[in-house]
């Protein structure tokens, strides 16, 4: 198999959390540990390219040598830095969605394989409910305050049909490990196929001159 296609599948794991408020200072280290654990596991961290707890998680991922992608509400770097006043330094790539905060949330969730909530306010609740509706596995870091500590009661009271895709844990590293195990099960057929054959077999004999269009 071509080495280009034999590398480990990387999942995009979103860390959702408060950009401001009392949980930012209280749970900054927990967010950092989430990002670090995602990076150490070999997967990609996604966030809303914002300040607060998502920023701490991005710093943790970068400190551990990981890859980080930010989904900005802005439509350009200038708008990102000047209008929204959001960070840029801790990301390998920033997707300038131009969708403002509400649209950005949906785009971020749909672009991720799983969602982790640490602390959080209404924006984090929006990302969590969007993830539930999209059928994305969700991990809640209980004990981190804010939305993360309210979600268990909401799940019990509202009885959502996809409640089985939500897990809870107090330990950042263990939560990341458990959410990866869930995503692994969803991709078990892909992992199996990649071990048995080259998923990109159709590219083997393709050359620029073979393209009938060009």
Protein backbone atom coordinates (compact mmCIF):
# COMPACT_ATOMS: atom_id res chain seq x y z
CA UNK A 1 0.00 0.00 0.00
CA UNK A 2 1.16 3.54 -0.77
CA UNK A 3 2.49 5.10 2.42
CA UNK A 4 0.44 8.20 1.71
CA UNK A 5 -2.72 6.21 2.36
CA UNK A 6 -1.58 3.96 5.21
CA UNK A 7 -1.37 6.55 7.97
CA UNK A 8 -3.69 6.49 10.97
CA UNK A 9 -7.14 8.00 10.52
CA UNK A 10 -7.37 11.28 12.40
CA UNK A 11 -10.66 12.33 13.96
CA UNK A 12 -11.66 15.96 14.42
CA UNK A 13 -12.62 16.40 18.06
CA UNK A 14 -14.25 19.67 19.06
CA UNK A 15 -13.72 21.26 22.46
CA UNK A 16 -16.62 23.53 23.33
CA UNK A 17 -16.51 25.82 26.35
CA UNK A 18 -17.04 29.29 27.75
CA UNK A 19 -15.24 32.22 26.16
CA UNK A 20 -15.77 34.29 29.30
CA UNK A 21 -17.24 34.02 32.78
CA UNK A 22 -16.26 32.36 36.02
CA UNK A 23 -15.66 28.88 34.54
CA UNK A 24 -12.81 30.15 32.37
CA UNK A 25 -10.44 30.72 35.26
CA UNK A 26 -11.77 27.79 37.30
CA UNK A 27 -11.50 25.23 34.50
CA UNK A 28 -8.63 26.57 32.38
CA UNK A 29 -6.36 23.67 33.31
CA UNK A 30 -9.10 21.12 32.57
CA UNK A 31 -9.54 22.59 29.08
CA UNK A 32 -5.77 22.55 28.58
CA UNK A 33 -5.67 18.87 29.54
CA UNK A 34 -8.45 18.05 27.08
CA UNK A 35 -6.50 19.63 24.23
CA UNK A 36 -3.30 17.95 25.31
CA UNK A 37 -4.99 14.54 25.50
CA UNK A 38 -6.52 14.93 22.03
CA UNK A 39 -3.11 15.78 20.58
CA UNK A 40 -1.36 12.92 22.38
CA UNK A 41 -3.96 10.52 21.00
CA UNK A 42 -2.99 11.58 17.48
CA UNK A 43 -6.22 13.34 16.57
CA UNK A 44 -7.11 16.89 15.52
CA UNK A 45 -8.55 19.53 17.84
CA UNK A 46 -11.29 21.80 16.50
CA UNK A 47 -12.69 24.85 18.31
CA UNK A 48 -14.63 28.01 17.57
CA UNK A 49 -11.32 29.90 17.23
CA UNK A 50 -12.27 31.90 20.29
CA UNK A 51 -10.88 32.95 23.66
CA UNK A 52 -11.47 31.37 27.07
CA UNK A 53 -11.66 27.61 27.53
CA UNK A 54 -11.47 26.71 23.80
CA UNK A 55 -8.29 28.81 23.59
CA UNK A 56 -6.76 26.97 26.57
CA UNK A 57 -7.57 23.64 24.90
CA UNK A 58 -5.89 24.79 21.67
CA UNK A 59 -2.77 25.84 23.60
CA UNK A 60 -2.72 22.44 25.30
CA UNK A 61 -2.94 20.66 21.95
CA UNK A 62 -0.14 22.76 20.44
CA UNK A 63 2.08 22.25 23.49
CA UNK A 64 1.66 18.50 22.96
CA UNK A 65 2.61 18.77 19.28
CA UNK A 66 -0.93 18.38 17.95
CA UNK A 67 -2.89 19.91 15.09
CA UNK A 68 -5.49 22.60 15.74
CA UNK A 69 -8.20 24.02 13.49
CA UNK A 70 -10.28 27.05 14.40
CA UNK A 71 -13.69 27.87 12.93
CA UNK A 72 -14.04 31.63 13.08
CA UNK A 73 -17.30 33.61 12.91
CA UNK A 74 -15.39 36.15 10.80
CA UNK A 75 -15.06 36.26 7.02
CA UNK A 76 -11.39 37.28 6.97
CA UNK A 77 -8.27 37.50 9.11
CA UNK A 78 -8.77 41.24 9.48
CA UNK A 79 -12.34 40.78 10.71
CA UNK A 80 -11.23 37.92 12.97
CA UNK A 81 -8.60 40.09 14.65
CA UNK A 82 -10.22 43.54 14.55
CA UNK A 83 -14.00 43.04 14.69
CA UNK A 84 -14.24 39.89 16.78
CA UNK A 85 -10.89 40.27 18.57
CA UNK A 86 -10.18 36.56 18.51
CA UNK A 87 -6.85 34.69 18.80
CA UNK A 88 -4.87 33.43 15.83
CA UNK A 89 -1.54 32.21 17.22
CA UNK A 90 -2.57 28.76 18.45
CA UNK A 91 -4.10 27.42 15.23
CA UNK A 92 -2.56 25.57 12.32
CA UNK A 93 -5.48 26.66 10.19
CA UNK A 94 -8.41 29.04 10.66
CA UNK A 95 -11.55 28.51 8.62
CA UNK A 96 -13.08 31.96 8.18
CA UNK A 97 -16.73 30.92 7.91
CA UNK A 98 -18.27 34.41 7.69
CA UNK A 99 -21.32 32.93 9.45
CA UNK A 100 -21.21 34.95 12.67
CA UNK A 101 -21.45 33.00 15.92
CA UNK A 102 -24.67 31.04 15.40
CA UNK A 103 -23.77 29.80 11.91
CA UNK A 104 -20.18 29.16 12.95
CA UNK A 105 -21.40 26.87 15.74
CA UNK A 106 -23.30 24.65 13.32
CA UNK A 107 -20.44 24.54 10.82
CA UNK A 108 -17.98 23.64 13.59
CA UNK A 109 -20.16 20.82 14.91
CA UNK A 110 -20.85 19.39 11.44
CA UNK A 111 -17.10 19.45 10.68
CA UNK A 112 -16.21 17.48 13.82
CA UNK A 113 -16.49 13.78 14.60
CA UNK A 114 -17.25 14.34 18.27
CA UNK A 115 -17.83 17.16 20.76
CA UNK A 116 -16.42 17.66 24.25
CA UNK A 117 -17.99 20.23 26.60
CA UNK A 118 -15.98 21.90 29.38
CA UNK A 119 -17.58 24.67 31.42
CA UNK A 120 -19.66 26.64 28.97
CA UNK A 121 -22.50 29.12 28.65
CA UNK A 122 -25.37 29.46 26.14
CA UNK A 123 -23.07 29.16 23.13
CA UNK A 124 -21.76 25.85 24.43
CA UNK A 125 -25.31 24.64 25.00
CA UNK A 126 -26.08 25.57 21.39
CA UNK A 127 -23.11 23.56 20.15
CA UNK A 128 -24.08 20.63 22.37
CA UNK A 129 -27.72 20.53 21.24
CA UNK A 130 -26.59 20.91 17.61
CA UNK A 131 -24.25 17.95 18.08
CA UNK A 132 -27.05 15.85 19.59
CA UNK A 133 -29.35 16.66 16.68
CA UNK A 134 -26.55 15.80 14.22
CA UNK A 135 -25.93 12.47 15.93
CA UNK A 136 -22.38 13.35 17.01
CA UNK A 137 -20.94 11.60 20.10
CA UNK A 138 -20.69 14.05 23.00
CA UNK A 139 -18.47 13.96 26.07
CA UNK A 140 -19.27 16.12 29.09
CA UNK A 141 -16.50 17.04 31.53
CA UNK A 142 -18.56 17.11 34.71
CA UNK A 143 -17.22 19.22 37.54
CA UNK A 144 -15.99 21.92 35.16
CA UNK A 145 -18.95 24.20 35.89
CA UNK A 146 -21.41 26.04 33.68
CA UNK A 147 -23.18 24.17 30.92
CA UNK A 148 -21.19 20.99 31.55
CA UNK A 149 -22.71 20.63 35.00
CA UNK A 150 -26.23 21.53 33.84
CA UNK A 151 -26.38 19.17 30.87
CA UNK A 152 -26.86 15.95 32.93
CA UNK A 153 -30.03 17.39 34.51
CA UNK A 154 -31.26 18.65 31.13
CA UNK A 155 -30.74 15.23 29.58
CA UNK A 156 -32.72 13.58 32.35
CA UNK A 157 -35.56 16.12 32.18
CA UNK A 158 -35.88 16.34 28.39
CA UNK A 159 -35.22 12.67 27.54
CA UNK A 160 -33.69 13.25 24.09
CA UNK A 161 -33.94 10.32 21.66
CA UNK A 162 -30.15 10.18 21.22
CA UNK A 163 -29.18 10.26 24.88
CA UNK A 164 -27.03 7.18 24.45
CA UNK A 165 -24.41 9.13 22.48
CA UNK A 166 -23.63 11.33 25.50
CA UNK A 167 -21.02 10.24 28.06
CA UNK A 168 -19.86 11.87 31.29
CA UNK A 169 -16.52 11.87 33.09
CA UNK A 170 -14.58 13.99 35.59
CA UNK A 171 -11.16 13.16 34.17
CA UNK A 172 -10.09 14.95 30.93
CA UNK A 173 -7.73 12.23 29.70
CA UNK A 174 -10.22 9.45 30.39
CA UNK A 175 -13.03 11.40 28.70
CA UNK A 176 -10.95 11.82 25.54
CA UNK A 177 -10.05 8.12 25.55
CA UNK A 178 -13.69 7.10 25.92
CA UNK A 179 -14.96 9.41 23.18
CA UNK A 180 -12.30 8.10 20.79
CA UNK A 181 -13.42 4.54 21.53
CA UNK A 182 -16.96 5.52 20.56
CA UNK A 183 -15.83 7.11 17.29
CA UNK A 184 -13.61 4.08 16.59
CA UNK A 185 -16.70 1.87 16.68
CA UNK A 186 -18.41 4.14 14.17
CA UNK A 187 -15.46 3.83 11.80
CA UNK A 188 -14.75 0.14 12.34
CA UNK A 189 -15.66 -0.69 8.71
CA UNK A 190 -13.32 2.01 7.37
CA UNK A 191 -10.46 0.83 9.59
CA UNK A 192 -11.03 -2.74 8.37
CA UNK A 193 -11.11 -1.77 4.70
CA UNK A 194 -7.96 0.33 4.96
CA UNK A 195 -6.10 -2.62 6.44
CA UNK A 196 -7.26 -4.95 3.67
CA UNK A 197 -6.81 -2.72 0.60
CA UNK A 198 -5.87 0.70 -0.61
CA UNK A 199 -8.94 2.88 -0.25
CA UNK A 200 -7.56 5.12 -3.01
CA UNK A 201 -7.01 2.36 -5.58
CA UNK A 202 -8.62 4.52 -8.27
CA UNK A 203 -5.70 6.95 -8.10
CA UNK A 204 -2.97 4.39 -8.71
CA UNK A 205 -2.77 4.75 -12.48
CA UNK A 206 -3.97 8.31 -12.81
CA UNK A 207 -1.64 10.83 -14.42
CA UNK A 208 -2.37 14.46 -15.39
CA UNK A 209 -2.42 13.41 -19.07
CA UNK A 210 -5.14 10.83 -18.30
CA UNK A 211 -7.63 13.54 -17.36
CA UNK A 212 -10.10 13.79 -20.27
CA UNK A 213 -11.14 17.28 -19.21
CA UNK A 214 -7.66 18.81 -19.13
